[in-house]
Amino acid sequence: MPQQIEFAQRNIHRPFANFNFTLVDIHNSIYNPRGLASADAFRFPFLDGSFDIVYAASLFSHLLPTATANYFRESRRVLRKGGRCLFSFFVLNYYRGMRTSAWEGYEFNHLLEGFPGVAVHNPDLPEQLVAYETTFLQGLAAEAGLRVKRLIPGYWSMTHKTALNEQDLLLLRAS
């Protein structure tokens, strides 16, 4: 969405120079089918240890496990020691089955072949919506040099009485 990046760079970066917005052309079979770069191997265009915080909203819910693993590694690479990540996910542990979520689109009844602990909404278009078990996310985090500090449930699963966000929030810290 180049217009949104331009808007953010113009209206947020100008008064707050430490906020920068960069457009990259990452392939996604649904949202950017003509994208040139692969999420599985994409290297963030930033120096090692150059950030205190990495934030991603509604990104990992559209990334398959190999891309998620790469983004965890890249997030750790660009974070300073002790830096933090706040990422949103659909956490599969909170899913209770068909017709129990806030919306029928939040159903994850298809395990992703070759990836125990990962399920998708639509097996024909797996990047449409992806959900991960906490142990899978913890493993990816550990491999990347990140530690899970907190998991804050979202309202999508209708499992918890209170929620801060639609999706579940995962707070990570760089080792």
C-alpha atoms as a PDB file:
ATOM      1  CA  MET A   1       0.000   0.000   0.000  1.00  0.00           C
ATOM      2  CA  PRO A   2       2.371   2.712  -1.217  1.00  0.00           C
ATOM      3  CA  GLN A   3      -0.060   5.542  -0.469  1.00  0.00           C
ATOM      4  CA  GLN A   4      -0.232   4.626   3.212  1.00  0.00           C
ATOM      5  CA  ILE A   5       3.563   4.421   3.470  1.00  0.00           C
ATOM      6  CA  GLU A   6       3.907   7.815   1.772  1.00  0.00           C
ATOM      7  CA  PHE A   7       1.274   9.273   4.112  1.00  0.00           C
ATOM      8  CA  ALA A   8       2.998   7.878   7.194  1.00  0.00           C
ATOM      9  CA  GLN A   9       6.424   9.052   6.075  1.00  0.00           C
ATOM     10  CA  ARG A  10       5.059  12.529   5.323  1.00  0.00           C
ATOM     11  CA  ASN A  11       2.771  12.953   8.364  1.00  0.00           C
ATOM     12  CA  ILE A  12       4.462  10.897  11.064  1.00  0.00           C
ATOM     13  CA  HIS A  13       8.144  10.886  10.117  1.00  0.00           C
ATOM     14  CA  ARG A  14       8.342  14.644   9.614  1.00  0.00           C
ATOM     15  CA  PRO A  15       7.313  15.605  13.172  1.00  0.00           C
ATOM     16  CA  PHE A  16       8.806  12.443  14.720  1.00  0.00           C
ATOM     17  CA  ALA A  17      12.018  11.702  12.838  1.00  0.00           C
ATOM     18  CA  ASN A  18      12.696   8.470  14.731  1.00  0.00           C
ATOM     19  CA  PHE A  19       9.637   6.885  13.052  1.00  0.00           C
ATOM     20  CA  ASN A  20      10.384   5.649   9.533  1.00  0.00           C
ATOM     21  CA  PHE A  21       8.253   3.759   7.063  1.00  0.00           C
ATOM     22  CA  THR A  22       9.648   1.652   4.236  1.00  0.00           C
ATOM     23  CA  LEU A  23       7.756  -0.046   1.436  1.00  0.00           C
ATOM     24  CA  VAL A  24       9.048  -3.443   0.326  1.00  0.00           C
ATOM     25  CA  ASP A  25       7.656  -5.614  -2.451  1.00  0.00           C
ATOM     26  CA  ILE A  26       7.142  -8.962  -0.660  1.00  0.00           C
ATOM     27  CA  HIS A  27       5.270 -11.730  -2.466  1.00  0.00           C
ATOM     28  CA  ASN A  28       2.071 -13.011  -0.873  1.00  0.00           C
ATOM     29  CA  SER A  29      -0.217 -15.247  -2.918  1.00  0.00           C
ATOM     30  CA  ILE A  30      -3.306 -13.283  -1.812  1.00  0.00           C
ATOM     31  CA  TYR A  31      -2.274  -9.738  -0.937  1.00  0.00           C
ATOM     32  CA  ASN A  32       0.678  -9.152  -3.282  1.00  0.00           C
ATOM     33  CA  PRO A  33       0.840 -11.947  -5.871  1.00  0.00           C
ATOM     34  CA  ARG A  34       3.189  -9.928  -8.107  1.00  0.00           C
ATOM     35  CA  GLY A  35       5.621  -9.205  -5.277  1.00  0.00           C
ATOM     36  CA  LEU A  36       9.248  -9.753  -6.177  1.00  0.00           C
ATOM     37  CA  ALA A  37      10.858 -10.651  -2.828  1.00  0.00           C
ATOM     38  CA  SER A  38      10.286 -13.885  -0.925  1.00  0.00           C
ATOM     39  CA  ALA A  39       9.228 -13.514   2.719  1.00  0.00           C
ATOM     40  CA  ASP A  40      11.149 -16.724   3.484  1.00  0.00           C
ATOM     41  CA  ALA A  41      14.496 -15.100   2.664  1.00  0.00           C
ATOM     42  CA  PHE A  42      13.828 -11.373   2.905  1.00  0.00           C
ATOM     43  CA  ARG A  43      16.476  -9.387   4.750  1.00  0.00           C
ATOM     44  CA  PHE A  44      15.147  -6.308   6.523  1.00  0.00           C
ATOM     45  CA  PRO A  45      16.819  -3.210   5.021  1.00  0.00           C
ATOM     46  CA  PHE A  46      18.190  -2.036   8.375  1.00  0.00           C
ATOM     47  CA  LEU A  47      21.478  -2.316  10.250  1.00  0.00           C
ATOM     48  CA  ASP A  48      22.010  -4.906  12.972  1.00  0.00           C
ATOM     49  CA  GLY A  49      20.974  -3.703  16.424  1.00  0.00           C
ATOM     50  CA  SER A  50      19.375  -0.504  15.182  1.00  0.00           C
ATOM     51  CA  PHE A  51      15.954  -0.743  16.885  1.00  0.00           C
ATOM     52  CA  ASP A  52      14.538  -0.848  20.391  1.00  0.00           C
ATOM     53  CA  ILE A  53      11.103  -2.037  19.228  1.00  0.00           C
ATOM     54  CA  VAL A  54       9.747  -4.089  16.329  1.00  0.00           C
ATOM     55  CA  TYR A  55       5.971  -4.040  15.897  1.00  0.00           C
ATOM     56  CA  ALA A  56       3.822  -6.011  13.473  1.00  0.00           C
ATOM     57  CA  ALA A  57       0.029  -6.018  13.433  1.00  0.00           C
ATOM     58  CA  SER A  58      -1.872  -8.591  11.380  1.00  0.00           C
ATOM     59  CA  LEU A  59       1.263  -9.680   9.575  1.00  0.00           C
ATOM     60  CA  PHE A  60       2.000 -13.126  10.995  1.00  0.00           C
ATOM     61  CA  SER A  61      -1.627 -14.147  10.516  1.00  0.00           C
ATOM     62  CA  HIS A  62      -0.772 -14.172   6.787  1.00  0.00           C
ATOM     63  CA  LEU A  63       2.731 -15.675   6.894  1.00  0.00           C
ATOM     64  CA  LEU A  64       3.513 -19.363   6.591  1.00  0.00           C
ATOM     65  CA  PRO A  65       5.977 -20.895   9.084  1.00  0.00           C
ATOM     66  CA  THR A  66       9.171 -20.506   7.042  1.00  0.00           C
ATOM     67  CA  ALA A  67       8.457 -16.805   6.524  1.00  0.00           C
ATOM     68  CA  THR A  68       7.514 -16.391  10.196  1.00  0.00           C
ATOM     69  CA  ALA A  69      10.808 -18.003  11.228  1.00  0.00           C
ATOM     70  CA  ASN A  70      12.708 -15.635   8.931  1.00  0.00           C
ATOM     71  CA  TYR A  71      10.876 -12.568  10.264  1.00  0.00           C
ATOM     72  CA  PHE A  72      11.646 -13.638  13.844  1.00  0.00           C
ATOM     73  CA  ARG A  73      15.356 -13.975  12.930  1.00  0.00           C
ATOM     74  CA  GLU A  74      15.369 -10.652  11.126  1.00  0.00           C
ATOM     75  CA  SER A  75      13.537  -8.939  13.972  1.00  0.00           C
ATOM     76  CA  ARG A  76      16.159 -10.209  16.394  1.00  0.00           C
ATOM     77  CA  ARG A  77      18.968  -9.138  14.086  1.00  0.00           C
ATOM     78  CA  VAL A  78      17.773  -5.527  13.914  1.00  0.00           C
ATOM     79  CA  LEU A  79      16.953  -5.309  17.645  1.00  0.00           C
ATOM     80  CA  ARG A  80      19.384  -4.075  20.257  1.00  0.00           C
ATOM     81  CA  LYS A  81      20.004  -6.429  23.187  1.00  0.00           C
ATOM     82  CA  GLY A  82      16.972  -6.198  25.435  1.00  0.00           C
ATOM     83  CA  GLY A  83      14.815  -4.829  22.611  1.00  0.00           C
ATOM     84  CA  ARG A  84      11.226  -5.950  22.348  1.00  0.00           C
ATOM     85  CA  CYS A  85       8.797  -7.147  19.722  1.00  0.00           C
ATOM     86  CA  LEU A  86       5.044  -6.861  19.846  1.00  0.00           C
ATOM     87  CA  PHE A  87       3.407  -9.095  17.258  1.00  0.00           C
ATOM     88  CA  SER A  88      -0.193 -10.123  16.712  1.00  0.00           C
ATOM     89  CA  PHE A  89      -1.148 -13.731  15.991  1.00  0.00           C
ATOM     90  CA  PHE A  90      -4.027 -16.115  16.032  1.00  0.00           C
ATOM     91  CA  VAL A  91      -2.925 -18.497  18.793  1.00  0.00           C
ATOM     92  CA  LEU A  92      -4.296 -21.926  18.031  1.00  0.00           C
ATOM     93  CA  ASN A  93      -4.399 -22.942  21.697  1.00  0.00           C
ATOM     94  CA  TYR A  94      -7.377 -20.614  22.153  1.00  0.00           C
ATOM     95  CA  TYR A  95      -9.386 -22.014  19.252  1.00  0.00           C
ATOM     96  CA  ARG A  96     -12.251 -24.242  20.448  1.00  0.00           C
ATOM     97  CA  GLY A  97     -13.625 -25.470  17.129  1.00  0.00           C
ATOM     98  CA  MET A  98     -16.177 -24.590  14.491  1.00  0.00           C
ATOM     99  CA  ARG A  99     -18.713 -21.881  15.289  1.00  0.00           C
ATOM    100  CA  THR A 100     -17.006 -20.850  18.542  1.00  0.00           C
ATOM    101  CA  SER A 101     -15.066 -17.808  17.296  1.00  0.00           C
ATOM    102  CA  ALA A 102     -16.152 -14.189  16.907  1.00  0.00           C
ATOM    103  CA  TRP A 103     -16.439 -14.700  13.131  1.00  0.00           C
ATOM    104  CA  GLU A 104     -16.613 -17.776  10.915  1.00  0.00           C
ATOM    105  CA  GLY A 105     -13.479 -16.558   9.130  1.00  0.00           C
ATOM    106  CA  TYR A 106     -11.556 -17.221  12.345  1.00  0.00           C
ATOM    107  CA  GLU A 107     -11.855 -20.974  12.048  1.00  0.00           C
ATOM    108  CA  PHE A 108      -8.665 -23.004  11.765  1.00  0.00           C
ATOM    109  CA  ASN A 109      -9.755 -26.552  11.001  1.00  0.00           C
ATOM    110  CA  HIS A 110      -6.958 -27.505   8.590  1.00  0.00           C
ATOM    111  CA  LEU A 111      -3.552 -28.498   9.877  1.00  0.00           C
ATOM    112  CA  LEU A 112      -0.740 -27.249   7.673  1.00  0.00           C
ATOM    113  CA  GLU A 113       1.039 -30.260   6.230  1.00  0.00           C
ATOM    114  CA  GLY A 114       4.596 -30.628   7.484  1.00  0.00           C
ATOM    115  CA  PHE A 115       4.143 -28.142  10.334  1.00  0.00           C
ATOM    116  CA  PRO A 116       2.693 -29.596  13.532  1.00  0.00           C
ATOM    117  CA  GLY A 117       1.262 -26.785  15.599  1.00  0.00           C
ATOM    118  CA  VAL A 118       0.131 -24.709  12.624  1.00  0.00           C
ATOM    119  CA  ALA A 119      -3.368 -24.575  11.129  1.00  0.00           C
ATOM    120  CA  VAL A 120      -4.957 -22.525   8.379  1.00  0.00           C
ATOM    121  CA  HIS A 121      -8.429 -21.302   7.605  1.00  0.00           C
ATOM    122  CA  ASN A 122      -8.352 -22.281   3.937  1.00  0.00           C
ATOM    123  CA  PRO A 123      -6.059 -25.111   2.777  1.00  0.00           C
ATOM    124  CA  ASP A 124      -6.315 -23.911  -0.838  1.00  0.00           C
ATOM    125  CA  LEU A 125      -5.091 -20.426   0.158  1.00  0.00           C
ATOM    126  CA  PRO A 126      -3.063 -21.034   3.315  1.00  0.00           C
ATOM    127  CA  GLU A 127      -1.769 -17.437   3.550  1.00  0.00           C
ATOM    128  CA  GLN A 128      -5.350 -16.190   3.890  1.00  0.00           C
ATOM    129  CA  LEU A 129      -5.268 -16.842   7.659  1.00  0.00           C
ATOM    130  CA  VAL A 130      -2.731 -18.803   9.692  1.00  0.00           C
ATOM    131  CA  ALA A 131      -2.813 -19.779  13.382  1.00  0.00           C
ATOM    132  CA  TYR A 132       0.095 -21.038  15.499  1.00  0.00           C
ATOM    133  CA  GLU A 133       0.302 -23.014  18.742  1.00  0.00           C
ATOM    134  CA  THR A 134       2.236 -21.334  21.536  1.00  0.00           C
ATOM    135  CA  THR A 135       4.885 -24.076  21.636  1.00  0.00           C
ATOM    136  CA  PHE A 136       5.558 -23.574  17.922  1.00  0.00           C
ATOM    137  CA  LEU A 137       5.973 -19.818  18.449  1.00  0.00           C
ATOM    138  CA  GLN A 138       8.181 -20.358  21.488  1.00  0.00           C
ATOM    139  CA  GLY A 139      10.409 -22.644  19.415  1.00  0.00           C
ATOM    140  CA  LEU A 140      10.715 -20.113  16.598  1.00  0.00           C
ATOM    141  CA  ALA A 141      11.454 -17.377  19.120  1.00  0.00           C
ATOM    142  CA  ALA A 142      14.161 -19.398  20.870  1.00  0.00           C
ATOM    143  CA  GLU A 143      15.816 -20.300  17.548  1.00  0.00           C
ATOM    144  CA  ALA A 144      15.895 -16.589  16.669  1.00  0.00           C
ATOM    145  CA  GLY A 145      17.326 -15.455  20.011  1.00  0.00           C
ATOM    146  CA  LEU A 146      14.032 -14.097  21.337  1.00  0.00           C
ATOM    147  CA  ARG A 147      12.197 -14.965  24.541  1.00  0.00           C
ATOM    148  CA  VAL A 148       8.434 -14.942  24.968  1.00  0.00           C
ATOM    149  CA  LYS A 149       7.679 -12.523  27.793  1.00  0.00           C
ATOM    150  CA  ARG A 150       3.913 -12.413  27.620  1.00  0.00           C
ATOM    151  CA  LEU A 151       0.939 -13.613  25.611  1.00  0.00           C
ATOM    152  CA  ILE A 152      -2.138 -11.395  25.753  1.00  0.00           C
ATOM    153  CA  PRO A 153      -5.323 -13.062  24.449  1.00  0.00           C
ATOM    154  CA  GLY A 154      -7.405 -11.360  21.779  1.00  0.00           C
ATOM    155  CA  TYR A 155     -11.166 -11.440  21.384  1.00  0.00           C
ATOM    156  CA  TRP A 156     -11.251 -13.409  18.096  1.00  0.00           C
ATOM    157  CA  SER A 157     -11.509 -16.774  19.883  1.00  0.00           C
ATOM    158  CA  MET A 158     -14.102 -15.611  22.429  1.00  0.00           C
ATOM    159  CA  THR A 159     -12.152 -17.649  24.983  1.00  0.00           C
ATOM    160  CA  HIS A 160     -11.332 -14.857  27.420  1.00  0.00           C
ATOM    161  CA  LYS A 161     -13.550 -12.365  29.236  1.00  0.00           C
ATOM    162  CA  THR A 162     -11.338  -9.385  28.388  1.00  0.00           C
ATOM    163  CA  ALA A 163      -9.091  -8.595  25.443  1.00  0.00           C
ATOM    164  CA  LEU A 164      -6.965  -5.697  24.255  1.00  0.00           C
ATOM    165  CA  ASN A 165      -6.991  -6.571  20.579  1.00  0.00           C
ATOM    166  CA  GLU A 166      -8.783  -8.647  17.988  1.00  0.00           C
ATOM    167  CA  GLN A 167      -5.799 -10.962  17.576  1.00  0.00           C
ATOM    168  CA  ASP A 168      -3.634 -12.362  20.347  1.00  0.00           C
ATOM    169  CA  LEU A 169      -0.564 -10.275  21.188  1.00  0.00           C
ATOM    170  CA  LEU A 170       2.857 -11.798  21.696  1.00  0.00           C
ATOM    171  CA  LEU A 171       5.505  -9.789  23.533  1.00  0.00           C
ATOM    172  CA  LEU A 172       9.072 -10.958  22.873  1.00  0.00           C
ATOM    173  CA  ARG A 173      12.427  -9.776  24.193  1.00  0.00           C
ATOM    174  CA  ALA A 174      15.809 -10.013  22.514  1.00  0.00           C
ATOM    175  CA  SER A 175      18.323 -12.112  24.435  1.00  0.00           C
END
